[in-house]
């Protein structure tokens, strides 16, 4: 499955801001970092 590059950039941007659709409140810096690392892994897989 390929994720469109624009989608990945949107996710990365939202992670950096600490705001994702499934979060009711801003993410902690540690949680944001973990999510950012996961997004990087997904980018490498694509």
N, C-alpha and C. Protein backbone atom coordinates (compact mmCIF):
# COMPACT_ATOMS: atom_id res chain seq x y z
N UNK A 1 0.84 -1.17 0.00
CA UNK A 1 0.00 0.00 0.00
C UNK A 1 0.89 1.24 0.00
N UNK A 2 0.62 2.13 -0.91
CA UNK A 2 1.38 3.38 -0.97
C UNK A 2 0.53 4.52 -0.42
N UNK A 3 1.16 5.33 0.40
CA UNK A 3 0.50 6.51 0.96
C UNK A 3 0.97 7.71 0.14
N UNK A 4 0.04 8.53 -0.33
CA UNK A 4 0.44 9.70 -1.11
C UNK A 4 1.38 10.61 -0.31
N UNK A 5 2.37 11.14 -0.99
CA UNK A 5 3.37 11.99 -0.35
C UNK A 5 2.71 13.18 0.34
N UNK A 6 1.70 13.77 -0.29
CA UNK A 6 1.01 14.91 0.32
C UNK A 6 0.39 14.53 1.67
N UNK A 7 -0.13 13.31 1.75
CA UNK A 7 -0.72 12.85 3.00
C UNK A 7 0.35 12.74 4.08
N UNK A 8 1.49 12.19 3.73
CA UNK A 8 2.58 12.07 4.70
C UNK A 8 3.03 13.44 5.19
N UNK A 9 3.17 14.39 4.27
CA UNK A 9 3.59 15.73 4.68
C UNK A 9 2.56 16.37 5.62
N UNK A 10 1.28 16.12 5.34
CA UNK A 10 0.22 16.64 6.22
C UNK A 10 0.35 16.02 7.60
N UNK A 11 0.56 14.72 7.65
CA UNK A 11 0.70 14.04 8.94
C UNK A 11 1.91 14.58 9.71
N UNK A 12 3.03 14.71 9.02
CA UNK A 12 4.24 15.22 9.68
C UNK A 12 3.99 16.62 10.22
N UNK A 13 3.36 17.45 9.43
CA UNK A 13 3.06 18.82 9.86
C UNK A 13 2.18 18.80 11.11
N UNK A 14 1.17 17.96 11.11
CA UNK A 14 0.27 17.88 12.26
C UNK A 14 0.97 17.33 13.49
N UNK A 15 1.84 16.35 13.29
CA UNK A 15 2.60 15.80 14.42
C UNK A 15 3.49 16.88 15.02
N UNK A 16 4.16 17.64 14.17
CA UNK A 16 5.02 18.71 14.67
C UNK A 16 4.23 19.75 15.46
N UNK A 17 2.98 19.96 15.07
CA UNK A 17 2.11 20.91 15.77
C UNK A 17 1.49 20.26 17.01
N UNK A 18 1.58 18.94 17.10
CA UNK A 18 0.99 18.22 18.21
C UNK A 18 -0.51 18.04 18.08
N UNK A 19 -1.01 18.10 16.84
CA UNK A 19 -2.45 17.98 16.61
C UNK A 19 -2.71 16.92 15.55
N UNK A 20 -3.43 15.90 15.95
CA UNK A 20 -3.85 14.87 15.00
C UNK A 20 -5.34 14.64 15.18
N UNK A 21 -6.03 14.20 14.15
CA UNK A 21 -7.49 14.06 14.21
C UNK A 21 -8.00 13.19 15.36
N UNK A 22 -7.25 12.17 15.74
CA UNK A 22 -7.73 11.26 16.78
C UNK A 22 -7.40 11.75 18.19
N UNK A 23 -6.72 12.86 18.31
CA UNK A 23 -6.34 13.38 19.62
C UNK A 23 -7.32 14.44 20.08
N UNK A 24 -7.75 14.34 21.31
CA UNK A 24 -8.66 15.33 21.86
C UNK A 24 -7.92 16.53 22.42
N UNK A 25 -6.64 16.40 22.62
CA UNK A 25 -5.84 17.49 23.14
C UNK A 25 -4.46 17.41 22.50
N UNK A 26 -3.70 18.49 22.56
CA UNK A 26 -2.37 18.46 21.96
C UNK A 26 -1.51 17.35 22.58
N UNK A 27 -0.67 16.77 21.75
CA UNK A 27 0.20 15.70 22.22
C UNK A 27 1.35 16.27 23.04
N UNK A 28 1.84 15.47 23.94
CA UNK A 28 3.02 15.86 24.69
C UNK A 28 4.20 15.85 23.74
N UNK A 29 5.27 16.58 24.06
CA UNK A 29 6.45 16.56 23.18
C UNK A 29 6.97 15.15 22.94
N UNK A 30 6.96 14.32 23.98
CA UNK A 30 7.45 12.94 23.82
C UNK A 30 6.55 12.15 22.87
N UNK A 31 5.24 12.28 23.02
CA UNK A 31 4.31 11.57 22.13
C UNK A 31 4.45 12.07 20.71
N UNK A 32 4.62 13.37 20.54
CA UNK A 32 4.80 13.93 19.20
C UNK A 32 6.05 13.39 18.55
N UNK A 33 7.12 13.27 19.32
CA UNK A 33 8.38 12.75 18.78
C UNK A 33 8.18 11.30 18.35
N UNK A 34 7.50 10.50 19.15
CA UNK A 34 7.26 9.11 18.79
C UNK A 34 6.44 9.02 17.50
N UNK A 35 5.43 9.86 17.38
CA UNK A 35 4.61 9.87 16.17
C UNK A 35 5.42 10.33 14.97
N UNK A 36 6.27 11.33 15.16
CA UNK A 36 7.11 11.82 14.07
C UNK A 36 8.06 10.73 13.59
N UNK A 37 8.62 9.97 14.52
CA UNK A 37 9.51 8.88 14.15
C UNK A 37 8.74 7.80 13.37
N UNK A 38 7.52 7.52 13.78
CA UNK A 38 6.71 6.52 13.07
C UNK A 38 6.40 6.98 11.65
N UNK A 39 6.10 8.26 11.50
CA UNK A 39 5.83 8.80 10.16
C UNK A 39 7.07 8.67 9.30
N UNK A 40 8.24 8.94 9.86
CA UNK A 40 9.49 8.79 9.09
C UNK A 40 9.68 7.34 8.64
N UNK A 41 9.35 6.40 9.52
CA UNK A 41 9.45 4.99 9.15
C UNK A 41 8.52 4.68 7.99
N UNK A 42 7.29 5.20 8.05
CA UNK A 42 6.33 4.97 6.96
C UNK A 42 6.82 5.60 5.66
N UNK A 43 7.45 6.76 5.74
CA UNK A 43 8.00 7.39 4.54
C UNK A 43 9.07 6.52 3.92
N UNK A 44 9.94 5.96 4.76
CA UNK A 44 11.01 5.11 4.24
C UNK A 44 10.44 3.84 3.59
N UNK A 45 9.35 3.31 4.16
CA UNK A 45 8.73 2.12 3.60
C UNK A 45 8.14 2.38 2.22
N UNK A 46 7.67 3.60 2.01
CA UNK A 46 7.11 3.94 0.71
C UNK A 46 8.23 4.32 -0.20
